[in-house]
Amino acid sequence: GFATRGRTDAAVAQQSAAEDDLAYAVSELER
């Protein structure tokens, strides 16, 4: 079960990164 947990944590981190990328894209667009 540890492999699944590691992959899940990685996927959650990717989701967080994608949300940050959206915020940055909005900021750059407004600029």
PDB file of all heavy atoms in Angstrom:
ATOM      1  N   GLY A   1       0.781  -1.230   0.000  1.00  0.00           N
ATOM      2  CA  GLY A   1       0.000   0.000   0.000  1.00  0.00           C
ATOM      3  C   GLY A   1       0.808   1.273   0.000  1.00  0.00           C
ATOM      4  O   GLY A   1       0.270   2.364  -0.250  1.00  0.00           O
ATOM      5  N   PHE A   2       2.088   1.187   0.275  1.00  0.00           N
ATOM      6  CA  PHE A   2       2.916   2.392   0.336  1.00  0.00           C
ATOM      7  C   PHE A   2       3.127   3.020  -1.052  1.00  0.00           C
ATOM      8  O   PHE A   2       3.246   4.239  -1.173  1.00  0.00           O
ATOM      9  CB  PHE A   2       4.262   2.086   0.988  1.00  0.00           C
ATOM     10  CG  PHE A   2       4.160   1.766   2.452  1.00  0.00           C
ATOM     11  CD1 PHE A   2       4.307   0.470   2.907  1.00  0.00           C
ATOM     12  CD2 PHE A   2       3.889   2.769   3.371  1.00  0.00           C
ATOM     13  CE1 PHE A   2       4.202   0.169   4.262  1.00  0.00           C
ATOM     14  CE2 PHE A   2       3.793   2.473   4.737  1.00  0.00           C
ATOM     15  CZ  PHE A   2       3.943   1.178   5.180  1.00  0.00           C
ATOM     16  N   ALA A   3       3.201   2.176  -2.087  1.00  0.00           N
ATOM     17  CA  ALA A   3       3.374   2.702  -3.445  1.00  0.00           C
ATOM     18  C   ALA A   3       2.177   3.551  -3.853  1.00  0.00           C
ATOM     19  O   ALA A   3       2.320   4.639  -4.432  1.00  0.00           O
ATOM     20  CB  ALA A   3       3.585   1.559  -4.435  1.00  0.00           C
ATOM     21  N   THR A   4       0.976   3.062  -3.548  1.00  0.00           N
ATOM     22  CA  THR A   4      -0.234   3.818  -3.868  1.00  0.00           C
ATOM     23  C   THR A   4      -0.283   5.134  -3.113  1.00  0.00           C
ATOM     24  O   THR A   4      -0.643   6.175  -3.661  1.00  0.00           O
ATOM     25  CB  THR A   4      -1.482   2.984  -3.552  1.00  0.00           C
ATOM     26  OG1 THR A   4      -1.472   1.801  -4.339  1.00  0.00           O
ATOM     27  CG2 THR A   4      -2.749   3.767  -3.841  1.00  0.00           C
ATOM     28  N   ARG A   5       0.091   5.077  -1.829  1.00  0.00           N
ATOM     29  CA  ARG A   5       0.103   6.312  -1.050  1.00  0.00           C
ATOM     30  C   ARG A   5       1.082   7.323  -1.645  1.00  0.00           C
ATOM     31  O   ARG A   5       0.764   8.523  -1.738  1.00  0.00           O
ATOM     32  CB  ARG A   5       0.473   6.009   0.399  1.00  0.00           C
ATOM     33  CG  ARG A   5       0.598   7.288   1.263  1.00  0.00           C
ATOM     34  CD  ARG A   5       1.046   6.964   2.661  1.00  0.00           C
ATOM     35  NE  ARG A   5       0.030   6.282   3.393  1.00  0.00           N
ATOM     36  CZ  ARG A   5       0.175   5.935   4.691  1.00  0.00           C
ATOM     37  NH1 ARG A   5       1.282   6.173   5.339  1.00  0.00           N
ATOM     38  NH2 ARG A   5      -0.796   5.345   5.305  1.00  0.00           N
ATOM     39  N   GLY A   6       2.268   6.868  -2.057  1.00  0.00           N
ATOM     40  CA  GLY A   6       3.247   7.771  -2.643  1.00  0.00           C
ATOM     41  C   GLY A   6       2.752   8.392  -3.937  1.00  0.00           C
ATOM     42  O   GLY A   6       2.913   9.594  -4.174  1.00  0.00           O
ATOM     43  N   ARG A   7       2.122   7.580  -4.784  1.00  0.00           N
ATOM     44  CA  ARG A   7       1.603   8.103  -6.043  1.00  0.00           C
ATOM     45  C   ARG A   7       0.453   9.077  -5.797  1.00  0.00           C
ATOM     46  O   ARG A   7       0.321  10.083  -6.499  1.00  0.00           O
ATOM     47  CB  ARG A   7       1.149   6.957  -6.934  1.00  0.00           C
ATOM     48  CG  ARG A   7       2.261   6.029  -7.392  1.00  0.00           C
ATOM     49  CD  ARG A   7       1.763   5.074  -8.450  1.00  0.00           C
ATOM     50  NE  ARG A   7       2.790   4.073  -8.784  1.00  0.00           N
ATOM     51  CZ  ARG A   7       2.752   2.820  -8.405  1.00  0.00           C
ATOM     52  NH1 ARG A   7       1.753   2.387  -7.656  1.00  0.00           N
ATOM     53  NH2 ARG A   7       3.729   1.980  -8.755  1.00  0.00           N
ATOM     54  N   THR A   8      -0.368   8.797  -4.811  1.00  0.00           N
ATOM     55  CA  THR A   8      -1.471   9.698  -4.481  1.00  0.00           C
ATOM     56  C   THR A   8      -0.954  11.044  -3.991  1.00  0.00           C
ATOM     57  O   THR A   8      -1.446  12.099  -4.401  1.00  0.00           O
ATOM     58  CB  THR A   8      -2.384   9.070  -3.420  1.00  0.00           C
ATOM     59  OG1 THR A   8      -2.902   7.828  -3.903  1.00  0.00           O
ATOM     60  CG2 THR A   8      -3.545   9.993  -3.101  1.00  0.00           C
ATOM     61  N   ASP A   9       0.021  11.015  -3.099  1.00  0.00           N
ATOM     62  CA  ASP A   9       0.618  12.263  -2.608  1.00  0.00           C
ATOM     63  C   ASP A   9       1.219  13.072  -3.758  1.00  0.00           C
ATOM     64  O   ASP A   9       1.107  14.307  -3.791  1.00  0.00           O
ATOM     65  CB  ASP A   9       1.687  11.961  -1.557  1.00  0.00           C
ATOM     66  CG  ASP A   9       1.098  11.411  -0.260  1.00  0.00           C
ATOM     67  OD1 ASP A   9      -0.125  11.570  -0.055  1.00  0.00           O
ATOM     68  OD2 ASP A   9       1.861  10.809   0.528  1.00  0.00           O
ATOM     69  N   ALA A  10       1.855  12.379  -4.698  1.00  0.00           N
ATOM     70  CA  ALA A  10       2.440  13.069  -5.847  1.00  0.00           C
ATOM     71  C   ALA A  10       1.355  13.710  -6.703  1.00  0.00           C
ATOM     72  O   ALA A  10       1.502  14.846  -7.175  1.00  0.00           O
ATOM     73  CB  ALA A  10       3.270  12.093  -6.680  1.00  0.00           C
ATOM     74  N   ALA A  11       0.249  13.002  -6.899  1.00  0.00           N
ATOM     75  CA  ALA A  11      -0.854  13.537  -7.701  1.00  0.00           C
ATOM     76  C   ALA A  11      -1.491  14.743  -7.024  1.00  0.00           C
ATOM     77  O   ALA A  11      -1.862  15.719  -7.681  1.00  0.00           O
ATOM     78  CB  ALA A  11      -1.893  12.447  -7.953  1.00  0.00           C
ATOM     79  N   VAL A  12      -1.641  14.693  -5.696  1.00  0.00           N
ATOM     80  CA  VAL A  12      -2.186  15.830  -4.959  1.00  0.00           C
ATOM     81  C   VAL A  12      -1.267  17.041  -5.081  1.00  0.00           C
ATOM     82  O   VAL A  12      -1.722  18.183  -5.237  1.00  0.00           O
ATOM     83  CB  VAL A  12      -2.399  15.452  -3.480  1.00  0.00           C
ATOM     84  CG1 VAL A  12      -2.758  16.686  -2.655  1.00  0.00           C
ATOM     85  CG2 VAL A  12      -3.501  14.398  -3.347  1.00  0.00           C
ATOM     86  N   ALA A  13       0.040  16.813  -5.030  1.00  0.00           N
ATOM     87  CA  ALA A  13       1.004  17.903  -5.189  1.00  0.00           C
ATOM     88  C   ALA A  13       0.905  18.508  -6.590  1.00  0.00           C
ATOM     89  O   ALA A  13       1.005  19.728  -6.765  1.00  0.00           O
ATOM     90  CB  ALA A  13       2.424  17.400  -4.926  1.00  0.00           C
ATOM     91  N   GLN A  14       0.688  17.665  -7.601  1.00  0.00           N
ATOM     92  CA  GLN A  14       0.519  18.156  -8.963  1.00  0.00           C
ATOM     93  C   GLN A  14      -0.738  19.015  -9.091  1.00  0.00           C
ATOM     94  O   GLN A  14      -0.753  20.022  -9.790  1.00  0.00           O
ATOM     95  CB  GLN A  14       0.455  16.985  -9.938  1.00  0.00           C
ATOM     96  CG  GLN A  14       1.786  16.302 -10.201  1.00  0.00           C
ATOM     97  CD  GLN A  14       2.755  17.198 -10.960  1.00  0.00           C
ATOM     98  OE1 GLN A  14       2.371  18.091 -11.690  1.00  0.00           O
ATOM     99  NE2 GLN A  14       4.031  16.946 -10.779  1.00  0.00           N
ATOM    100  N   GLN A  15      -1.795  18.616  -8.386  1.00  0.00           N
ATOM    101  CA  GLN A  15      -3.008  19.419  -8.397  1.00  0.00           C
ATOM    102  C   GLN A  15      -2.769  20.786  -7.766  1.00  0.00           C
ATOM    103  O   GLN A  15      -3.222  21.811  -8.284  1.00  0.00           O
ATOM    104  CB  GLN A  15      -4.137  18.692  -7.652  1.00  0.00           C
ATOM    105  CG  GLN A  15      -5.437  19.490  -7.596  1.00  0.00           C
ATOM    106  CD  GLN A  15      -6.525  18.770  -6.825  1.00  0.00           C
ATOM    107  OE1 GLN A  15      -6.532  17.553  -6.716  1.00  0.00           O
ATOM    108  NE2 GLN A  15      -7.471  19.534  -6.283  1.00  0.00           N
ATOM    109  N   SER A  16      -2.056  20.806  -6.651  1.00  0.00           N
ATOM    110  CA  SER A  16      -1.727  22.070  -6.006  1.00  0.00           C
ATOM    111  C   SER A  16      -0.896  22.960  -6.916  1.00  0.00           C
ATOM    112  O   SER A  16      -1.119  24.178  -6.991  1.00  0.00           O
ATOM    113  CB  SER A  16      -0.984  21.805  -4.693  1.00  0.00           C
ATOM    114  OG  SER A  16      -0.614  23.013  -4.057  1.00  0.00           O
ATOM    115  N   ALA A  17       0.064  22.352  -7.634  1.00  0.00           N
ATOM    116  CA  ALA A  17       0.897  23.112  -8.567  1.00  0.00           C
ATOM    117  C   ALA A  17       0.058  23.692  -9.700  1.00  0.00           C
ATOM    118  O   ALA A  17       0.272  24.831 -10.134  1.00  0.00           O
ATOM    119  CB  ALA A  17       2.013  22.228  -9.115  1.00  0.00           C
ATOM    120  N   ALA A  18      -0.912  22.911 -10.194  1.00  0.00           N
ATOM    121  CA  ALA A  18      -1.785  23.386 -11.264  1.00  0.00           C
ATOM    122  C   ALA A  18      -2.632  24.564 -10.805  1.00  0.00           C
ATOM    123  O   ALA A  18      -2.866  25.515 -11.564  1.00  0.00           O
ATOM    124  CB  ALA A  18      -2.677  22.243 -11.756  1.00  0.00           C
ATOM    125  N   GLU A  19      -3.087  24.537  -9.556  1.00  0.00           N
ATOM    126  CA  GLU A  19      -3.860  25.658  -9.016  1.00  0.00           C
ATOM    127  C   GLU A  19      -2.997  26.913  -8.891  1.00  0.00           C
ATOM    128  O   GLU A  19      -3.465  28.022  -9.174  1.00  0.00           O
ATOM    129  CB  GLU A  19      -4.454  25.258  -7.667  1.00  0.00           C
ATOM    130  CG  GLU A  19      -5.523  24.169  -7.781  1.00  0.00           C
ATOM    131  CD  GLU A  19      -5.922  23.590  -6.433  1.00  0.00           C
ATOM    132  OE1 GLU A  19      -5.204  23.884  -5.429  1.00  0.00           O
ATOM    133  OE2 GLU A  19      -6.923  22.841  -6.371  1.00  0.00           O
ATOM    134  N   ASP A  20      -1.751  26.746  -8.481  1.00  0.00           N
ATOM    135  CA  ASP A  20      -0.833  27.885  -8.422  1.00  0.00           C
ATOM    136  C   ASP A  20      -0.546  28.432  -9.816  1.00  0.00           C
ATOM    137  O   ASP A  20      -0.431  29.650 -10.006  1.00  0.00           O
ATOM    138  CB  ASP A  20       0.473  27.474  -7.740  1.00  0.00           C
ATOM    139  CG  ASP A  20       0.301  27.211  -6.245  1.00  0.00           C
ATOM    140  OD1 ASP A  20      -0.689  27.708  -5.660  1.00  0.00           O
ATOM    141  OD2 ASP A  20       1.148  26.503  -5.671  1.00  0.00           O
ATOM    142  N   ASP A  21      -0.421  27.540 -10.796  1.00  0.00           N
ATOM    143  CA  ASP A  21      -0.188  27.969 -12.173  1.00  0.00           C
ATOM    144  C   ASP A  21      -1.351  28.810 -12.693  1.00  0.00           C
ATOM    145  O   ASP A  21      -1.157  29.778 -13.430  1.00  0.00           O
ATOM    146  CB  ASP A  21       0.020  26.761 -13.083  1.00  0.00           C
ATOM    147  CG  ASP A  21       1.384  26.118 -12.903  1.00  0.00           C
ATOM    148  OD1 ASP A  21       2.264  26.752 -12.288  1.00  0.00           O
ATOM    149  OD2 ASP A  21       1.572  24.978 -13.375  1.00  0.00           O
ATOM    150  N   LEU A  22      -2.572  28.446 -12.310  1.00  0.00           N
ATOM    151  CA  LEU A  22      -3.734  29.225 -12.714  1.00  0.00           C
ATOM    152  C   LEU A  22      -3.679  30.632 -12.125  1.00  0.00           C
ATOM    153  O   LEU A  22      -3.926  31.619 -12.824  1.00  0.00           O
ATOM    154  CB  LEU A  22      -5.021  28.527 -12.283  1.00  0.00           C
ATOM    155  CG  LEU A  22      -6.312  29.331 -12.488  1.00  0.00           C
ATOM    156  CD1 LEU A  22      -6.519  29.675 -13.957  1.00  0.00           C
ATOM    157  CD2 LEU A  22      -7.518  28.570 -11.937  1.00  0.00           C
ATOM    158  N   ALA A  23      -3.359  30.719 -10.842  1.00  0.00           N
ATOM    159  CA  ALA A  23      -3.258  32.030 -10.201  1.00  0.00           C
ATOM    160  C   ALA A  23      -2.204  32.894 -10.877  1.00  0.00           C
ATOM    161  O   ALA A  23      -2.401  34.095 -11.089  1.00  0.00           O
ATOM    162  CB  ALA A  23      -2.949  31.860  -8.711  1.00  0.00           C
ATOM    163  N   TYR A  24      -1.077  32.278 -11.216  1.00  0.00           N
ATOM    164  CA  TYR A  24      -0.015  33.016 -11.900  1.00  0.00           C
ATOM    165  C   TYR A  24      -0.453  33.461 -13.289  1.00  0.00           C
ATOM    166  O   TYR A  24      -0.168  34.588 -13.707  1.00  0.00           O
ATOM    167  CB  TYR A  24       1.234  32.143 -11.994  1.00  0.00           C
ATOM    168  CG  TYR A  24       2.385  32.805 -12.730  1.00  0.00           C
ATOM    169  CD1 TYR A  24       3.103  33.835 -12.147  1.00  0.00           C
ATOM    170  CD2 TYR A  24       2.735  32.390 -14.011  1.00  0.00           C
ATOM    171  CE1 TYR A  24       4.158  34.443 -12.812  1.00  0.00           C
ATOM    172  CE2 TYR A  24       3.787  32.983 -14.688  1.00  0.00           C
ATOM    173  CZ  TYR A  24       4.496  34.006 -14.094  1.00  0.00           C
ATOM    174  OH  TYR A  24       5.535  34.606 -14.774  1.00  0.00           O
ATOM    175  N   ALA A  25      -1.158  32.580 -14.017  1.00  0.00           N
ATOM    176  CA  ALA A  25      -1.631  32.925 -15.358  1.00  0.00           C
ATOM    177  C   ALA A  25      -2.605  34.093 -15.314  1.00  0.00           C
ATOM    178  O   ALA A  25      -2.562  34.987 -16.166  1.00  0.00           O
ATOM    179  CB  ALA A  25      -2.284  31.704 -16.013  1.00  0.00           C
ATOM    180  N   VAL A  26      -3.495  34.104 -14.314  1.00  0.00           N
ATOM    181  CA  VAL A  26      -4.439  35.214 -14.166  1.00  0.00           C
ATOM    182  C   VAL A  26      -3.695  36.512 -13.873  1.00  0.00           C
ATOM    183  O   VAL A  26      -3.994  37.568 -14.442  1.00  0.00           O
ATOM    184  CB  VAL A  26      -5.462  34.905 -13.056  1.00  0.00           C
ATOM    185  CG1 VAL A  26      -6.292  36.151 -12.735  1.00  0.00           C
ATOM    186  CG2 VAL A  26      -6.373  33.761 -13.475  1.00  0.00           C
ATOM    187  N   SER A  27      -2.699  36.440 -12.998  1.00  0.00           N
ATOM    188  CA  SER A  27      -1.909  37.621 -12.665  1.00  0.00           C
ATOM    189  C   SER A  27      -1.179  38.157 -13.891  1.00  0.00           C
ATOM    190  O   SER A  27      -1.163  39.370 -14.140  1.00  0.00           O
ATOM    191  CB  SER A  27      -0.915  37.280 -11.553  1.00  0.00           C
ATOM    192  OG  SER A  27      -0.070  38.375 -11.273  1.00  0.00           O
ATOM    193  N   GLU A  28      -0.565  37.259 -14.666  1.00  0.00           N
ATOM    194  CA  GLU A  28       0.155  37.673 -15.865  1.00  0.00           C
ATOM    195  C   GLU A  28      -0.786  38.247 -16.916  1.00  0.00           C
ATOM    196  O   GLU A  28      -0.443  39.207 -17.615  1.00  0.00           O
ATOM    197  CB  GLU A  28       0.918  36.485 -16.440  1.00  0.00           C
ATOM    198  CG  GLU A  28       2.185  36.142 -15.671  1.00  0.00           C
ATOM    199  CD  GLU A  28       3.197  37.274 -15.728  1.00  0.00           C
ATOM    200  OE1 GLU A  28       3.751  37.526 -16.814  1.00  0.00           O
ATOM    201  OE2 GLU A  28       3.424  37.911 -14.677  1.00  0.00           O
ATOM    202  N   LEU A  29      -1.969  37.673 -17.021  1.00  0.00           N
ATOM    203  CA  LEU A  29      -2.948  38.189 -17.975  1.00  0.00           C
ATOM    204  C   LEU A  29      -3.358  39.604 -17.607  1.00  0.00           C
ATOM    205  O   LEU A  29      -3.417  40.488 -18.473  1.00  0.00           O
ATOM    206  CB  LEU A  29      -4.170  37.274 -18.021  1.00  0.00           C
ATOM    207  CG  LEU A  29      -5.329  37.748 -18.903  1.00  0.00           C
ATOM    208  CD1 LEU A  29      -4.903  37.811 -20.361  1.00  0.00           C
ATOM    209  CD2 LEU A  29      -6.540  36.840 -18.723  1.00  0.00           C
ATOM    210  N   GLU A  30      -3.653  39.832 -16.337  1.00  0.00           N
ATOM    211  CA  GLU A  30      -4.035  41.169 -15.899  1.00  0.00           C
ATOM    212  C   GLU A  30      -2.904  42.166 -16.122  1.00  0.00           C
ATOM    213  O   GLU A  30      -3.146  43.311 -16.512  1.00  0.00           O
ATOM    214  CB  GLU A  30      -4.452  41.134 -14.429  1.00  0.00           C
ATOM    215  CG  GLU A  30      -5.739  40.352 -14.183  1.00  0.00           C
ATOM    216  CD  GLU A  30      -6.092  40.238 -12.719  1.00  0.00           C
ATOM    217  OE1 GLU A  30      -5.154  40.377 -11.883  1.00  0.00           O
ATOM    218  OE2 GLU A  30      -7.274  39.998 -12.393  1.00  0.00           O
ATOM    219  N   ARG A  31      -1.673  41.736 -15.872  1.00  0.00           N
ATOM    220  CA  ARG A  31      -0.526  42.612 -16.115  1.00  0.00           C
ATOM    221  C   ARG A  31      -0.401  42.949 -17.594  1.00  0.00           C
ATOM    222  O   ARG A  31      -0.144  44.097 -17.965  1.00  0.00           O
ATOM    223  CB  ARG A  31       0.751  41.951 -15.619  1.00  0.00           C
ATOM    224  CG  ARG A  31       1.985  42.838 -15.706  1.00  0.00           C
ATOM    225  CD  ARG A  31       3.205  42.119 -15.174  1.00  0.00           C
ATOM    226  NE  ARG A  31       3.584  41.011 -16.023  1.00  0.00           N
ATOM    227  CZ  ARG A  31       4.362  41.137 -17.109  1.00  0.00           C
ATOM    228  NH1 ARG A  31       4.841  42.326 -17.459  1.00  0.00           N
ATOM    229  NH2 ARG A  31       4.662  40.069 -17.827  1.00  0.00           N
TER     230      ARG A  31
END
